[in-house]
Protein backbone atom coordinates (compact mmCIF):
# COMPACT_ATOMS: atom_id res chain seq x y z
CA GLU A 1 22.05 -7.17 4.39
CA PRO A 2 23.94 -9.22 5.40
CA ILE A 3 25.29 -11.33 2.55
CA GLU A 4 23.89 -14.76 3.34
CA ARG A 5 25.82 -16.90 0.90
CA ARG A 6 28.93 -16.16 -1.13
CA LEU A 7 28.57 -16.90 -4.84
CA ALA A 8 31.52 -17.61 -7.10
CA GLY A 9 31.74 -15.11 -9.95
CA ALA A 10 29.37 -12.63 -8.31
CA THR A 11 30.22 -9.36 -6.64
CA GLN A 12 27.99 -8.76 -3.63
CA VAL A 13 27.57 -5.65 -1.53
CA ALA A 14 26.39 -5.60 2.07
CA VAL A 15 24.38 -2.59 3.20
CA ASN A 16 26.02 -0.54 5.95
CA ARG A 17 23.77 2.36 6.96
CA ALA A 18 26.24 3.54 9.61
CA GLU A 19 28.71 4.23 6.80
CA GLY A 20 26.07 5.84 4.58
CA LEU A 21 25.81 2.81 2.32
CA ASP A 22 22.09 2.14 2.01
CA PHE A 23 20.49 -0.10 -0.59
CA ALA A 24 19.95 2.62 -3.20
CA ALA A 25 23.51 3.96 -2.84
CA ALA A 26 24.93 0.45 -3.22
CA LEU A 27 22.81 -0.16 -6.31
CA ARG A 28 23.93 3.12 -7.90
CA GLY A 29 27.56 2.16 -7.17
CA VAL A 30 27.09 -1.26 -8.75
CA LEU A 31 25.66 0.33 -11.91
CA ARG A 32 28.75 2.56 -12.28
CA HIS A 33 30.71 -0.64 -12.99
CA ASP A 34 28.43 -1.34 -15.99
CA PRO A 35 27.61 -4.98 -15.21
CA ASP A 36 25.80 -7.15 -17.73
CA VAL A 37 23.34 -8.46 -15.13
CA VAL A 38 22.13 -6.82 -11.93
CA ALA A 39 20.31 -8.95 -9.34
CA ILE A 40 18.35 -6.96 -6.79
CA GLY A 41 17.34 -8.81 -3.65
CA GLU A 42 14.04 -6.98 -3.30
CA VAL A 43 12.44 -3.83 -4.66
CA ARG A 44 11.01 -2.24 -1.52
CA ASP A 45 10.75 1.46 -2.22
CA ALA A 46 10.34 4.07 -4.95
CA GLU A 47 14.04 4.93 -5.10
CA THR A 48 15.11 1.31 -5.64
CA ALA A 49 12.34 0.80 -8.23
CA ALA A 50 13.44 3.92 -10.12
CA ILE A 51 17.11 2.84 -10.13
CA ALA A 52 16.18 -0.68 -11.29
CA LEU A 53 14.04 0.78 -14.06
CA SER A 54 16.81 3.15 -15.10
CA ALA A 55 19.26 0.24 -15.23
CA GLY A 56 16.87 -1.69 -17.45
CA LEU A 57 16.40 1.28 -19.75
CA SER A 58 20.17 1.60 -20.15
CA GLY A 59 20.49 -1.97 -21.39
CA HIS A 60 21.26 -3.95 -18.22
CA LEU A 61 19.47 -7.20 -17.53
CA VAL A 62 17.84 -6.57 -14.15
CA LEU A 63 16.56 -9.48 -12.09
CA ALA A 64 14.66 -8.41 -9.00
CA SER A 65 12.30 -9.84 -6.44
CA LEU A 66 9.17 -8.10 -5.29
CA HIS A 67 6.62 -9.28 -2.77
CA ALA A 68 3.26 -9.45 -4.53
CA GLU A 69 0.35 -11.84 -4.86
CA GLY A 70 0.93 -12.36 -8.57
CA PRO A 71 2.10 -10.78 -11.83
CA LEU A 72 -0.54 -8.06 -12.13
CA THR A 73 -0.22 -7.19 -8.46
CA ALA A 74 3.54 -6.84 -9.04
CA LEU A 75 2.89 -4.40 -11.88
CA GLU A 76 0.40 -2.50 -9.74
CA ARG A 77 2.90 -2.31 -6.89
CA LEU A 78 5.58 -0.89 -9.19
CA VAL A 79 3.13 1.71 -10.51
CA HIS A 80 2.26 2.64 -6.90
CA LEU A 81 5.98 3.06 -6.22
CA ALA A 82 5.78 5.98 -8.68
CA VAL A 83 7.49 4.13 -11.51
CA ASP A 84 6.67 5.68 -14.86
CA ARG A 85 4.16 3.35 -16.53
CA ALA A 86 5.50 3.97 -20.06
CA GLN A 87 9.07 3.18 -19.00
CA LEU A 88 7.92 0.13 -17.03
CA VAL A 89 6.03 -1.27 -20.01
CA THR A 90 9.05 -0.61 -22.22
CA VAL A 91 11.59 -2.37 -20.01
CA LEU A 92 9.67 -5.17 -18.29
CA SER A 93 9.78 -8.50 -20.14
CA ALA A 94 8.21 -10.95 -17.72
CA VAL A 95 7.12 -11.63 -14.16
CA LEU A 96 7.83 -15.02 -12.60
CA SER A 97 5.43 -15.91 -9.82
CA GLN A 98 6.43 -18.58 -7.36
CA ARG A 99 5.08 -20.35 -4.33
CA LEU A 100 6.80 -22.91 -2.11
CA ILE A 101 4.76 -25.86 -0.93
CA ARG A 102 5.77 -28.53 1.55
CA LEU A 103 6.34 -32.05 0.30
CA SER A 104 4.74 -35.09 1.88
CA CYS A 105 7.06 -37.18 4.05
CA ARG A 106 7.31 -40.40 2.06
CA PRO A 107 8.57 -42.73 4.83
CA CYS A 108 5.75 -42.03 7.27
CA ASP A 109 2.95 -40.88 4.96
CA GLY A 110 1.60 -38.59 7.68
CA ALA A 111 2.35 -40.72 10.73
CA GLU A 112 4.99 -39.64 13.23
CA CYS A 113 8.57 -40.37 12.23
CA ALA A 114 12.07 -39.07 12.97
CA ARG A 115 12.49 -37.57 9.48
CA CYS A 116 9.59 -35.12 9.69
CA GLY A 117 9.14 -34.84 13.45
CA GLY A 118 5.49 -35.80 13.15
CA SER A 119 4.53 -33.02 10.77
CA GLY A 120 3.88 -35.33 7.82
CA THR A 121 5.94 -33.06 5.55
CA ALA A 122 9.63 -32.99 4.68
CA GLY A 123 11.24 -30.47 2.35
CA ARG A 124 9.65 -28.06 -0.09
CA THR A 125 9.27 -27.63 -3.81
CA GLY A 126 8.37 -24.71 -6.00
CA LEU A 127 5.38 -23.90 -8.15
CA PHE A 128 6.23 -21.43 -10.92
CA SER A 129 4.35 -19.41 -13.50
CA LEU A 130 5.99 -17.18 -16.10
CA PHE A 131 3.86 -14.23 -17.18
CA ARG A 132 5.20 -12.55 -20.32
CA LEU A 133 4.23 -9.06 -21.39
CA ASP A 134 3.25 -9.29 -25.04
CA ALA A 135 2.65 -6.34 -27.40
CA PRO A 136 -1.16 -6.25 -26.97
CA LEU A 137 -0.87 -6.23 -23.18
CA ARG A 138 1.80 -3.51 -23.35
CA ARG A 139 -0.55 -1.34 -25.43
CA ARG A 140 -3.42 -1.95 -22.99
CA LEU A 141 -1.21 -1.10 -20.02
CA LEU A 142 -0.05 2.13 -21.67
CA ALA A 143 -3.63 3.09 -22.50
CA ARG A 144 -4.61 2.24 -18.91
CA GLU A 145 -7.16 -0.26 -20.24
CA VAL A 146 -6.07 -2.91 -17.75
CA ASP A 147 -7.41 -2.68 -14.22
CA LEU A 148 -4.38 -4.12 -12.47
CA ALA A 149 -6.27 -4.59 -9.23
CA GLY A 150 -9.46 -5.97 -10.73
CA GLU A 151 -8.24 -8.32 -13.44
CA GLY A 152 -7.17 -11.19 -11.18
CA ASP A 153 -3.62 -12.33 -10.72
CA ARG A 154 -3.41 -15.03 -13.36
CA LEU A 155 -2.25 -17.72 -10.98
CA GLU A 156 -3.96 -20.57 -12.85
CA ASP A 157 -0.62 -22.21 -13.72
CA LEU A 158 0.38 -22.29 -10.06
CA VAL A 159 -2.96 -23.83 -9.08
CA ARG A 160 -2.69 -26.46 -11.84
CA GLN A 161 0.88 -27.36 -10.81
CA GLY A 162 -0.16 -27.54 -7.17
CA ARG A 163 -3.15 -29.74 -7.92
CA ALA A 164 -0.90 -32.06 -9.95
CA ARG A 165 1.52 -32.35 -6.99
CA VAL A 166 -1.39 -33.17 -4.68
CA ALA A 167 -2.86 -35.72 -7.15
CA GLU A 168 0.54 -37.43 -7.44
CA GLY A 169 0.80 -37.63 -3.65
CA GLN A 170 3.85 -35.36 -3.57
CA SER A 171 2.19 -32.75 -1.37
CA PRO A 172 -0.77 -32.70 1.02
CA ALA A 173 -3.90 -30.88 -0.19
CA CYS A 174 -3.76 -28.51 2.78
CA GLU A 175 -0.51 -27.06 1.36
CA LEU A 176 -2.22 -25.84 -1.78
CA ALA A 177 -4.94 -24.21 0.29
CA ARG A 178 -2.28 -22.62 2.50
CA VAL A 179 -0.24 -20.98 -0.26
CA LEU A 180 -2.95 -20.18 -2.84
CA PRO A 181 -6.24 -19.79 -0.93
CA ALA A 182 -7.88 -17.11 -3.09
CA ALA A 183 -6.59 -18.47 -6.39
CA ILE A 184 -8.07 -21.93 -5.76
CA ASP A 185 -11.54 -20.39 -5.46
CA GLU A 186 -11.04 -18.47 -8.72
CA VAL A 187 -9.80 -21.43 -10.78
CA ALA A 188 -12.61 -23.87 -11.51
CA GLY A 189 -12.05 -27.63 -11.48
């Protein structure tokens, strides 16, 4: 809402609340066309989470974004949105965590220049961590043996990637502290 960029081969729907076309109604309409893949911009509420889960249970590949600190926080958020835990564990394959960090401006190396406007950074790159739900974790989640809030968010991969970018001079150290402040304290080294 609105469609920001047209994509070839993709059907996109803009929300129009004045016409009674909210996000959940648009998603239900999309699913009536039985697509192979459904991409949801963001799961924000219980109704959207339930529809996404239902689509996954009926065999659709559902790709969705969700604002969360990390993979376990994402699971916790879905559970708080009243998603059935057993269905969630059945349908969810993985959670991809990402952070964007600014890149160092190579021409000026921190000094003022026209490219970066004196900020010392130019452009961004991503840090990514794929968290897969394996059978033992699924069983623990179903048995409620995992404290989603207390187990940490498993962001070690992001911290390691960020530290590598800083060590290689690709990004200033302050960027890692900006995007992963709590995780840096948790990951030793």
